[in-house]
């Protein structure tokens, strides 16, 4: 019984240790490098959501290119 409690404490400790490392790394990645966004509506047709369908498209927003001013003609830029 005592051995099972010690094992459970180790697993809980390892979980929280990983959690407190993974969350800041993930948030930093999504804020600085790239994130996933959903595009809805007719504003981006026909490039995104072609044919007037009601489904939304999913795109990867690359924050790194904007930071390096690597934007070229024809690129889609998202502003918040």
PDB file of N, CA and C in Angstrom:
ATOM      1  N   UNK A   1       0.830  -1.192   0.000  1.00  0.00           N
ATOM      2  CA  UNK A   1       0.000   0.000   0.000  1.00  0.00           C
ATOM      3  C   UNK A   1       0.875   1.258   0.000  1.00  0.00           C
ATOM      4  N   UNK A   2       1.874   1.294   0.840  1.00  0.00           N
ATOM      5  CA  UNK A   2       2.756   2.454   0.920  1.00  0.00           C
ATOM      6  C   UNK A   2       3.540   2.620  -0.368  1.00  0.00           C
ATOM      7  N   UNK A   3       3.895   1.495  -0.995  1.00  0.00           N
ATOM      8  CA  UNK A   3       4.639   1.550  -2.253  1.00  0.00           C
ATOM      9  C   UNK A   3       3.753   2.140  -3.361  1.00  0.00           C
ATOM     10  N   UNK A   4       2.483   1.811  -3.376  1.00  0.00           N
ATOM     11  CA  UNK A   4       1.553   2.346  -4.375  1.00  0.00           C
ATOM     12  C   UNK A   4       1.373   3.852  -4.183  1.00  0.00           C
ATOM     13  N   UNK A   5       1.330   4.306  -2.947  1.00  0.00           N
ATOM     14  CA  UNK A   5       1.192   5.739  -2.693  1.00  0.00           C
ATOM     15  C   UNK A   5       2.443   6.492  -3.144  1.00  0.00           C
ATOM     16  N   UNK A   6       3.603   5.898  -2.915  1.00  0.00           N
ATOM     17  CA  UNK A   6       4.852   6.514  -3.356  1.00  0.00           C
ATOM     18  C   UNK A   6       4.925   6.588  -4.871  1.00  0.00           C
ATOM     19  N   UNK A   7       4.427   5.552  -5.533  1.00  0.00           N
ATOM     20  CA  UNK A   7       4.415   5.531  -6.995  1.00  0.00           C
ATOM     21  C   UNK A   7       3.454   6.597  -7.535  1.00  0.00           C
ATOM     22  N   UNK A   8       2.292   6.724  -6.892  1.00  0.00           N
ATOM     23  CA  UNK A   8       1.318   7.733  -7.313  1.00  0.00           C
ATOM     24  C   UNK A   8       1.889   9.139  -7.120  1.00  0.00           C
ATOM     25  N   UNK A   9       2.579   9.386  -6.030  1.00  0.00           N
ATOM     26  CA  UNK A   9       3.185  10.697  -5.796  1.00  0.00           C
ATOM     27  C   UNK A   9       4.230  11.016  -6.863  1.00  0.00           C
ATOM     28  N   UNK A  10       5.000  10.004  -7.263  1.00  0.00           N
ATOM     29  CA  UNK A  10       6.017  10.215  -8.294  1.00  0.00           C
ATOM     30  C   UNK A  10       5.374  10.577  -9.623  1.00  0.00           C
ATOM     31  N   UNK A  11       4.294   9.881  -9.974  1.00  0.00           N
ATOM     32  CA  UNK A  11       3.604  10.168 -11.225  1.00  0.00           C
ATOM     33  C   UNK A  11       2.973  11.559 -11.210  1.00  0.00           C
ATOM     34  N   UNK A  12       2.369  11.936 -10.105  1.00  0.00           N
ATOM     35  CA  UNK A  12       1.767  13.263  -9.997  1.00  0.00           C
ATOM     36  C   UNK A  12       2.839  14.345 -10.082  1.00  0.00           C
ATOM     37  N   UNK A  13       3.966  14.116  -9.412  1.00  0.00           N
ATOM     38  CA  UNK A  13       5.063  15.077  -9.449  1.00  0.00           C
ATOM     39  C   UNK A  13       5.616  15.213 -10.867  1.00  0.00           C
ATOM     40  N   UNK A  14       5.772  14.098 -11.566  1.00  0.00           N
ATOM     41  CA  UNK A  14       6.275  14.131 -12.939  1.00  0.00           C
ATOM     42  C   UNK A  14       5.290  14.825 -13.869  1.00  0.00           C
ATOM     43  N   UNK A  15       3.984  14.605 -13.653  1.00  0.00           N
ATOM     44  CA  UNK A  15       2.970  15.255 -14.470  1.00  0.00           C
ATOM     45  C   UNK A  15       3.041  16.764 -14.316  1.00  0.00           C
ATOM     46  N   UNK A  16       3.067  17.251 -13.091  1.00  0.00           N
ATOM     47  CA  UNK A  16       3.099  18.692 -12.874  1.00  0.00           C
ATOM     48  C   UNK A  16       4.397  19.316 -13.356  1.00  0.00           C
ATOM     49  N   UNK A  17       5.486  18.590 -13.220  1.00  0.00           N
ATOM     50  CA  UNK A  17       6.761  19.087 -13.717  1.00  0.00           C
ATOM     51  C   UNK A  17       6.703  19.268 -15.236  1.00  0.00           C
ATOM     52  N   UNK A  18       6.167  18.282 -15.936  1.00  0.00           N
ATOM     53  CA  UNK A  18       6.023  18.369 -17.382  1.00  0.00           C
ATOM     54  C   UNK A  18       5.022  19.426 -17.796  1.00  0.00           C
ATOM     55  N   UNK A  19       3.943  19.550 -17.030  1.00  0.00           N
ATOM     56  CA  UNK A  19       2.906  20.531 -17.330  1.00  0.00           C
ATOM     57  C   UNK A  19       3.457  21.944 -17.249  1.00  0.00           C
ATOM     58  N   UNK A  20       4.209  22.237 -16.208  1.00  0.00           N
ATOM     59  CA  UNK A  20       4.738  23.586 -16.020  1.00  0.00           C
ATOM     60  C   UNK A  20       5.888  23.910 -16.970  1.00  0.00           C
ATOM     61  N   UNK A  21       6.397  22.924 -17.668  1.00  0.00           N
ATOM     62  CA  UNK A  21       7.383  23.177 -18.716  1.00  0.00           C
ATOM     63  C   UNK A  21       6.681  23.285 -20.073  1.00  0.00           C
ATOM     64  N   UNK A  22       5.723  22.406 -20.338  1.00  0.00           N
ATOM     65  CA  UNK A  22       5.069  22.343 -21.645  1.00  0.00           C
ATOM     66  C   UNK A  22       4.173  23.552 -21.923  1.00  0.00           C
ATOM     67  N   UNK A  23       3.464  24.036 -20.928  1.00  0.00           N
ATOM     68  CA  UNK A  23       2.534  25.148 -21.154  1.00  0.00           C
ATOM     69  C   UNK A  23       3.265  26.425 -21.577  1.00  0.00           C
ATOM     70  N   UNK A  24       4.294  26.880 -20.883  1.00  0.00           N
ATOM     71  CA  UNK A  24       4.990  28.093 -21.348  1.00  0.00           C
ATOM     72  C   UNK A  24       5.655  27.927 -22.713  1.00  0.00           C
ATOM     73  N   UNK A  25       6.193  26.743 -22.982  1.00  0.00           N
ATOM     74  CA  UNK A  25       6.819  26.504 -24.284  1.00  0.00           C
ATOM     75  C   UNK A  25       5.771  26.569 -25.390  1.00  0.00           C
ATOM     76  N   UNK A  26       4.616  25.967 -25.173  1.00  0.00           N
ATOM     77  CA  UNK A  26       3.541  25.980 -26.170  1.00  0.00           C
ATOM     78  C   UNK A  26       3.001  27.380 -26.389  1.00  0.00           C
ATOM     79  N   UNK A  27       2.776  28.122 -25.328  1.00  0.00           N
ATOM     80  CA  UNK A  27       2.255  29.482 -25.456  1.00  0.00           C
ATOM     81  C   UNK A  27       3.259  30.368 -26.194  1.00  0.00           C
ATOM     82  N   UNK A  28       4.521  30.237 -25.888  1.00  0.00           N
ATOM     83  CA  UNK A  28       5.552  31.021 -26.569  1.00  0.00           C
ATOM     84  C   UNK A  28       5.607  30.661 -28.051  1.00  0.00           C
ATOM     85  N   UNK A  29       5.528  29.380 -28.376  1.00  0.00           N
ATOM     86  CA  UNK A  29       5.545  28.947 -29.774  1.00  0.00           C
ATOM     87  C   UNK A  29       4.357  29.534 -30.527  1.00  0.00           C
ATOM     88  N   UNK A  30       3.160  29.430 -29.956  1.00  0.00           N
ATOM     89  CA  UNK A  30       1.964  29.937 -30.630  1.00  0.00           C
ATOM     90  C   UNK A  30       1.982  31.450 -30.775  1.00  0.00           C
ATOM     91  N   UNK A  31       2.625  32.137 -29.871  1.00  0.00           N
ATOM     92  CA  UNK A  31       2.684  33.600 -29.921  1.00  0.00           C
ATOM     93  C   UNK A  31       3.778  34.113 -30.851  1.00  0.00           C
ATOM     94  N   UNK A  32       4.914  33.444 -30.904  1.00  0.00           N
ATOM     95  CA  UNK A  32       6.078  33.957 -31.629  1.00  0.00           C
ATOM     96  C   UNK A  32       6.337  33.304 -32.981  1.00  0.00           C
ATOM     97  N   UNK A  33       5.987  32.028 -33.155  1.00  0.00           N
ATOM     98  CA  UNK A  33       6.376  31.302 -34.364  1.00  0.00           C
ATOM     99  C   UNK A  33       5.193  31.102 -35.306  1.00  0.00           C
ATOM    100  N   UNK A  34       4.172  30.387 -34.874  1.00  0.00           N
ATOM    101  CA  UNK A  34       3.039  30.092 -35.745  1.00  0.00           C
ATOM    102  C   UNK A  34       1.845  29.652 -34.913  1.00  0.00           C
ATOM    103  N   UNK A  35       0.672  29.811 -35.489  1.00  0.00           N
ATOM    104  CA  UNK A  35      -0.543  29.321 -34.846  1.00  0.00           C
ATOM    105  C   UNK A  35      -1.542  28.913 -35.919  1.00  0.00           C
ATOM    106  N   UNK A  36      -2.553  28.187 -35.518  1.00  0.00           N
ATOM    107  CA  UNK A  36      -3.582  27.708 -36.423  1.00  0.00           C
ATOM    108  C   UNK A  36      -4.826  28.570 -36.236  1.00  0.00           C
ATOM    109  N   UNK A  37      -5.442  28.964 -37.357  1.00  0.00           N
ATOM    110  CA  UNK A  37      -6.640  29.804 -37.295  1.00  0.00           C
ATOM    111  C   UNK A  37      -7.689  29.261 -38.266  1.00  0.00           C
ATOM    112  N   UNK A  38      -8.931  29.574 -37.984  1.00  0.00           N
ATOM    113  CA  UNK A  38     -10.044  29.158 -38.830  1.00  0.00           C
ATOM    114  C   UNK A  38     -10.540  30.373 -39.610  1.00  0.00           C
ATOM    115  N   UNK A  39     -10.746  30.195 -40.922  1.00  0.00           N
ATOM    116  CA  UNK A  39     -11.221  31.271 -41.794  1.00  0.00           C
ATOM    117  C   UNK A  39     -12.668  30.966 -42.161  1.00  0.00           C
ATOM    118  N   UNK A  40     -13.546  31.911 -41.848  1.00  0.00           N
ATOM    119  CA  UNK A  40     -14.972  31.749 -42.151  1.00  0.00           C
ATOM    120  C   UNK A  40     -15.460  32.960 -42.923  1.00  0.00           C
ATOM    121  N   UNK A  41     -16.536  32.811 -43.631  1.00  0.00           N
ATOM    122  CA  UNK A  41     -17.176  33.943 -44.281  1.00  0.00           C
ATOM    123  C   UNK A  41     -16.736  34.150 -45.716  1.00  0.00           C
ATOM    124  N   UNK A  42     -17.347  35.126 -46.332  1.00  0.00           N
ATOM    125  CA  UNK A  42     -17.142  35.380 -47.754  1.00  0.00           C
ATOM    126  C   UNK A  42     -16.012  36.363 -48.036  1.00  0.00           C
ATOM    127  N   UNK A  43     -15.392  36.907 -47.020  1.00  0.00           N
ATOM    128  CA  UNK A  43     -14.389  37.942 -47.252  1.00  0.00           C
ATOM    129  C   UNK A  43     -13.151  37.434 -47.980  1.00  0.00           C
ATOM    130  N   UNK A  44     -12.821  36.163 -47.855  1.00  0.00           N
ATOM    131  CA  UNK A  44     -11.621  35.620 -48.488  1.00  0.00           C
ATOM    132  C   UNK A  44     -11.934  34.744 -49.704  1.00  0.00           C
ATOM    133  N   UNK A  45     -13.169  34.759 -50.190  1.00  0.00           N
ATOM    134  CA  UNK A  45     -13.506  33.949 -51.359  1.00  0.00           C
ATOM    135  C   UNK A  45     -12.967  34.613 -52.611  1.00  0.00           C
ATOM    136  N   UNK A  46     -12.522  33.948 -53.610  1.00  0.00           N
ATOM    137  CA  UNK A  46     -12.499  32.518 -53.824  1.00  0.00           C
ATOM    138  C   UNK A  46     -11.212  31.846 -53.363  1.00  0.00           C
ATOM    139  N   UNK A  47     -10.257  32.595 -52.795  1.00  0.00           N
ATOM    140  CA  UNK A  47      -8.999  31.973 -52.344  1.00  0.00           C
ATOM    141  C   UNK A  47      -9.243  30.955 -51.239  1.00  0.00           C
ATOM    142  N   UNK A  48     -10.002  31.346 -50.244  1.00  0.00           N
ATOM    143  CA  UNK A  48     -10.366  30.451 -49.146  1.00  0.00           C
ATOM    144  C   UNK A  48     -11.878  30.328 -49.132  1.00  0.00           C
ATOM    145  N   UNK A  49     -12.376  29.185 -48.714  1.00  0.00           N
ATOM    146  CA  UNK A  49     -13.813  28.871 -48.741  1.00  0.00           C
ATOM    147  C   UNK A  49     -14.376  29.002 -50.155  1.00  0.00           C
ATOM    148  N   UNK A  50     -13.793  28.296 -51.141  1.00  0.00           N
ATOM    149  CA  UNK A  50     -14.255  28.448 -52.525  1.00  0.00           C
ATOM    150  C   UNK A  50     -15.665  27.886 -52.721  1.00  0.00           C
ATOM    151  N   UNK A  51     -16.342  28.433 -53.692  1.00  0.00           N
ATOM    152  CA  UNK A  51     -17.654  27.917 -54.068  1.00  0.00           C
ATOM    153  C   UNK A  51     -18.774  28.313 -53.131  1.00  0.00           C
ATOM    154  N   UNK A  52     -18.548  29.214 -52.214  1.00  0.00           N
ATOM    155  CA  UNK A  52     -19.592  29.670 -51.322  1.00  0.00           C
ATOM    156  C   UNK A  52     -20.052  28.629 -50.319  1.00  0.00           C
ATOM    157  N   UNK A  53     -19.241  27.613 -50.079  1.00  0.00           N
ATOM    158  CA  UNK A  53     -19.650  26.571 -49.123  1.00  0.00           C
ATOM    159  C   UNK A  53     -19.588  27.105 -47.687  1.00  0.00           C
ATOM    160  N   UNK A  54     -20.354  26.509 -46.837  1.00  0.00           N
ATOM    161  CA  UNK A  54     -20.482  26.983 -45.460  1.00  0.00           C
ATOM    162  C   UNK A  54     -19.362  26.497 -44.548  1.00  0.00           C
ATOM    163  N   UNK A  55     -18.585  25.515 -44.984  1.00  0.00           N
ATOM    164  CA  UNK A  55     -17.490  24.999 -44.151  1.00  0.00           C
ATOM    165  C   UNK A  55     -16.381  26.037 -44.050  1.00  0.00           C
ATOM    166  N   UNK A  56     -15.623  25.978 -42.984  1.00  0.00           N
ATOM    167  CA  UNK A  56     -14.519  26.913 -42.800  1.00  0.00           C
ATOM    168  C   UNK A  56     -13.201  26.227 -43.127  1.00  0.00           C
ATOM    169  N   UNK A  57     -12.239  27.004 -43.585  1.00  0.00           N
ATOM    170  CA  UNK A  57     -10.901  26.494 -43.866  1.00  0.00           C
ATOM    171  C   UNK A  57     -10.006  26.757 -42.667  1.00  0.00           C
ATOM    172  N   UNK A  58      -9.003  25.911 -42.522  1.00  0.00           N
ATOM    173  CA  UNK A  58      -8.031  26.054 -41.441  1.00  0.00           C
ATOM    174  C   UNK A  58      -6.696  26.426 -42.072  1.00  0.00           C
ATOM    175  N   UNK A  59      -6.060  27.479 -41.545  1.00  0.00           N
ATOM    176  CA  UNK A  59      -4.793  27.963 -42.087  1.00  0.00           C
ATOM    177  C   UNK A  59      -3.748  28.059 -40.977  1.00  0.00           C
ATOM    178  N   UNK A  60      -2.494  28.011 -41.378  1.00  0.00           N
ATOM    179  CA  UNK A  60      -1.379  28.197 -40.452  1.00  0.00           C
ATOM    180  C   UNK A  60      -0.879  29.620 -40.613  1.00  0.00           C
ATOM    181  N   UNK A  61      -0.932  30.389 -39.538  1.00  0.00           N
ATOM    182  CA  UNK A  61      -0.446  31.767 -39.563  1.00  0.00           C
ATOM    183  C   UNK A  61       1.020  31.773 -39.127  1.00  0.00           C
ATOM    184  N   UNK A  62       1.884  32.222 -40.015  1.00  0.00           N
ATOM    185  CA  UNK A  62       3.323  32.213 -39.778  1.00  0.00           C
ATOM    186  C   UNK A  62       3.751  33.575 -39.236  1.00  0.00           C
ATOM    187  N   UNK A  63       3.992  33.652 -37.947  1.00  0.00           N
ATOM    188  CA  UNK A  63       4.419  34.907 -37.328  1.00  0.00           C
ATOM    189  C   UNK A  63       5.888  35.218 -37.626  1.00  0.00           C
ATOM    190  N   UNK A  64       6.658  34.200 -37.907  1.00  0.00           N
ATOM    191  CA  UNK A  64       8.096  34.363 -38.105  1.00  0.00           C
ATOM    192  C   UNK A  64       8.397  35.164 -39.371  1.00  0.00           C
ATOM    193  N   UNK A  65       7.640  34.951 -40.453  1.00  0.00           N
ATOM    194  CA  UNK A  65       7.872  35.699 -41.699  1.00  0.00           C
ATOM    195  C   UNK A  65       7.609  37.181 -41.521  1.00  0.00           C
ATOM    196  N   UNK A  66       6.606  37.513 -40.749  1.00  0.00           N
ATOM    197  CA  UNK A  66       6.288  38.918 -40.513  1.00  0.00           C
ATOM    198  C   UNK A  66       7.403  39.589 -39.716  1.00  0.00           C
ATOM    199  N   UNK A  67       7.954  38.859 -38.763  1.00  0.00           N
ATOM    200  CA  UNK A  67       9.031  39.420 -37.944  1.00  0.00           C
ATOM    201  C   UNK A  67      10.255  39.734 -38.797  1.00  0.00           C
ATOM    202  N   UNK A  68      10.522  38.911 -39.805  1.00  0.00           N
ATOM    203  CA  UNK A  68      11.675  39.105 -40.682  1.00  0.00           C
ATOM    204  C   UNK A  68      11.325  39.909 -41.931  1.00  0.00           C
ATOM    205  N   UNK A  69      10.114  40.450 -42.010  1.00  0.00           N
ATOM    206  CA  UNK A  69       9.637  41.216 -43.162  1.00  0.00           C
ATOM    207  C   UNK A  69       9.788  40.428 -44.460  1.00  0.00           C
ATOM    208  N   UNK A  70       9.478  39.135 -44.400  1.00  0.00           N
ATOM    209  CA  UNK A  70       9.587  38.256 -45.560  1.00  0.00           C
ATOM    210  C   UNK A  70       8.202  38.059 -46.187  1.00  0.00           C
ATOM    211  N   UNK A  71       7.542  39.161 -46.505  1.00  0.00           N
ATOM    212  CA  UNK A  71       6.216  39.121 -47.112  1.00  0.00           C
ATOM    213  C   UNK A  71       6.359  39.456 -48.575  1.00  0.00           C
ATOM    214  N   UNK A  72       5.730  38.646 -49.421  1.00  0.00           N
ATOM    215  CA  UNK A  72       5.832  38.860 -50.859  1.00  0.00           C
ATOM    216  C   UNK A  72       4.454  39.089 -51.466  1.00  0.00           C
ATOM    217  N   UNK A  73       4.454  39.580 -52.674  1.00  0.00           N
ATOM    218  CA  UNK A  73       3.200  39.813 -53.382  1.00  0.00           C
ATOM    219  C   UNK A  73       2.442  38.492 -53.527  1.00  0.00           C
ATOM    220  N   UNK A  74       1.155  38.517 -53.238  1.00  0.00           N
ATOM    221  CA  UNK A  74       0.325  37.313 -53.335  1.00  0.00           C
ATOM    222  C   UNK A  74       0.138  36.607 -52.001  1.00  0.00           C
ATOM    223  N   UNK A  75       0.904  36.968 -50.988  1.00  0.00           N
ATOM    224  CA  UNK A  75       0.747  36.369 -49.656  1.00  0.00           C
ATOM    225  C   UNK A  75      -0.522  36.916 -49.003  1.00  0.00           C
ATOM    226  N   UNK A  76      -1.146  36.082 -48.211  1.00  0.00           N
ATOM    227  CA  UNK A  76      -2.321  36.501 -47.451  1.00  0.00           C
ATOM    228  C   UNK A  76      -1.844  36.932 -46.079  1.00  0.00           C
ATOM    229  N   UNK A  77      -2.203  38.153 -45.677  1.00  0.00           N
ATOM    230  CA  UNK A  77      -1.773  38.708 -44.403  1.00  0.00           C
ATOM    231  C   UNK A  77      -2.998  38.846 -43.507  1.00  0.00           C
ATOM    232  N   UNK A  78      -2.876  38.391 -42.275  1.00  0.00           N
ATOM    233  CA  UNK A  78      -3.972  38.456 -41.309  1.00  0.00           C
ATOM    234  C   UNK A  78      -3.676  39.518 -40.280  1.00  0.00           C
ATOM    235  N   UNK A  79      -4.621  40.408 -40.057  1.00  0.00           N
ATOM    236  CA  UNK A  79      -4.472  41.466 -39.056  1.00  0.00           C
ATOM    237  C   UNK A  79      -5.501  41.249 -37.960  1.00  0.00           C
ATOM    238  N   UNK A  80      -5.096  41.510 -36.739  1.00  0.00           N
ATOM    239  CA  UNK A  80      -6.009  41.374 -35.603  1.00  0.00           C
ATOM    240  C   UNK A  80      -6.423  42.758 -35.152  1.00  0.00           C
TER     241      UNK A  80
END
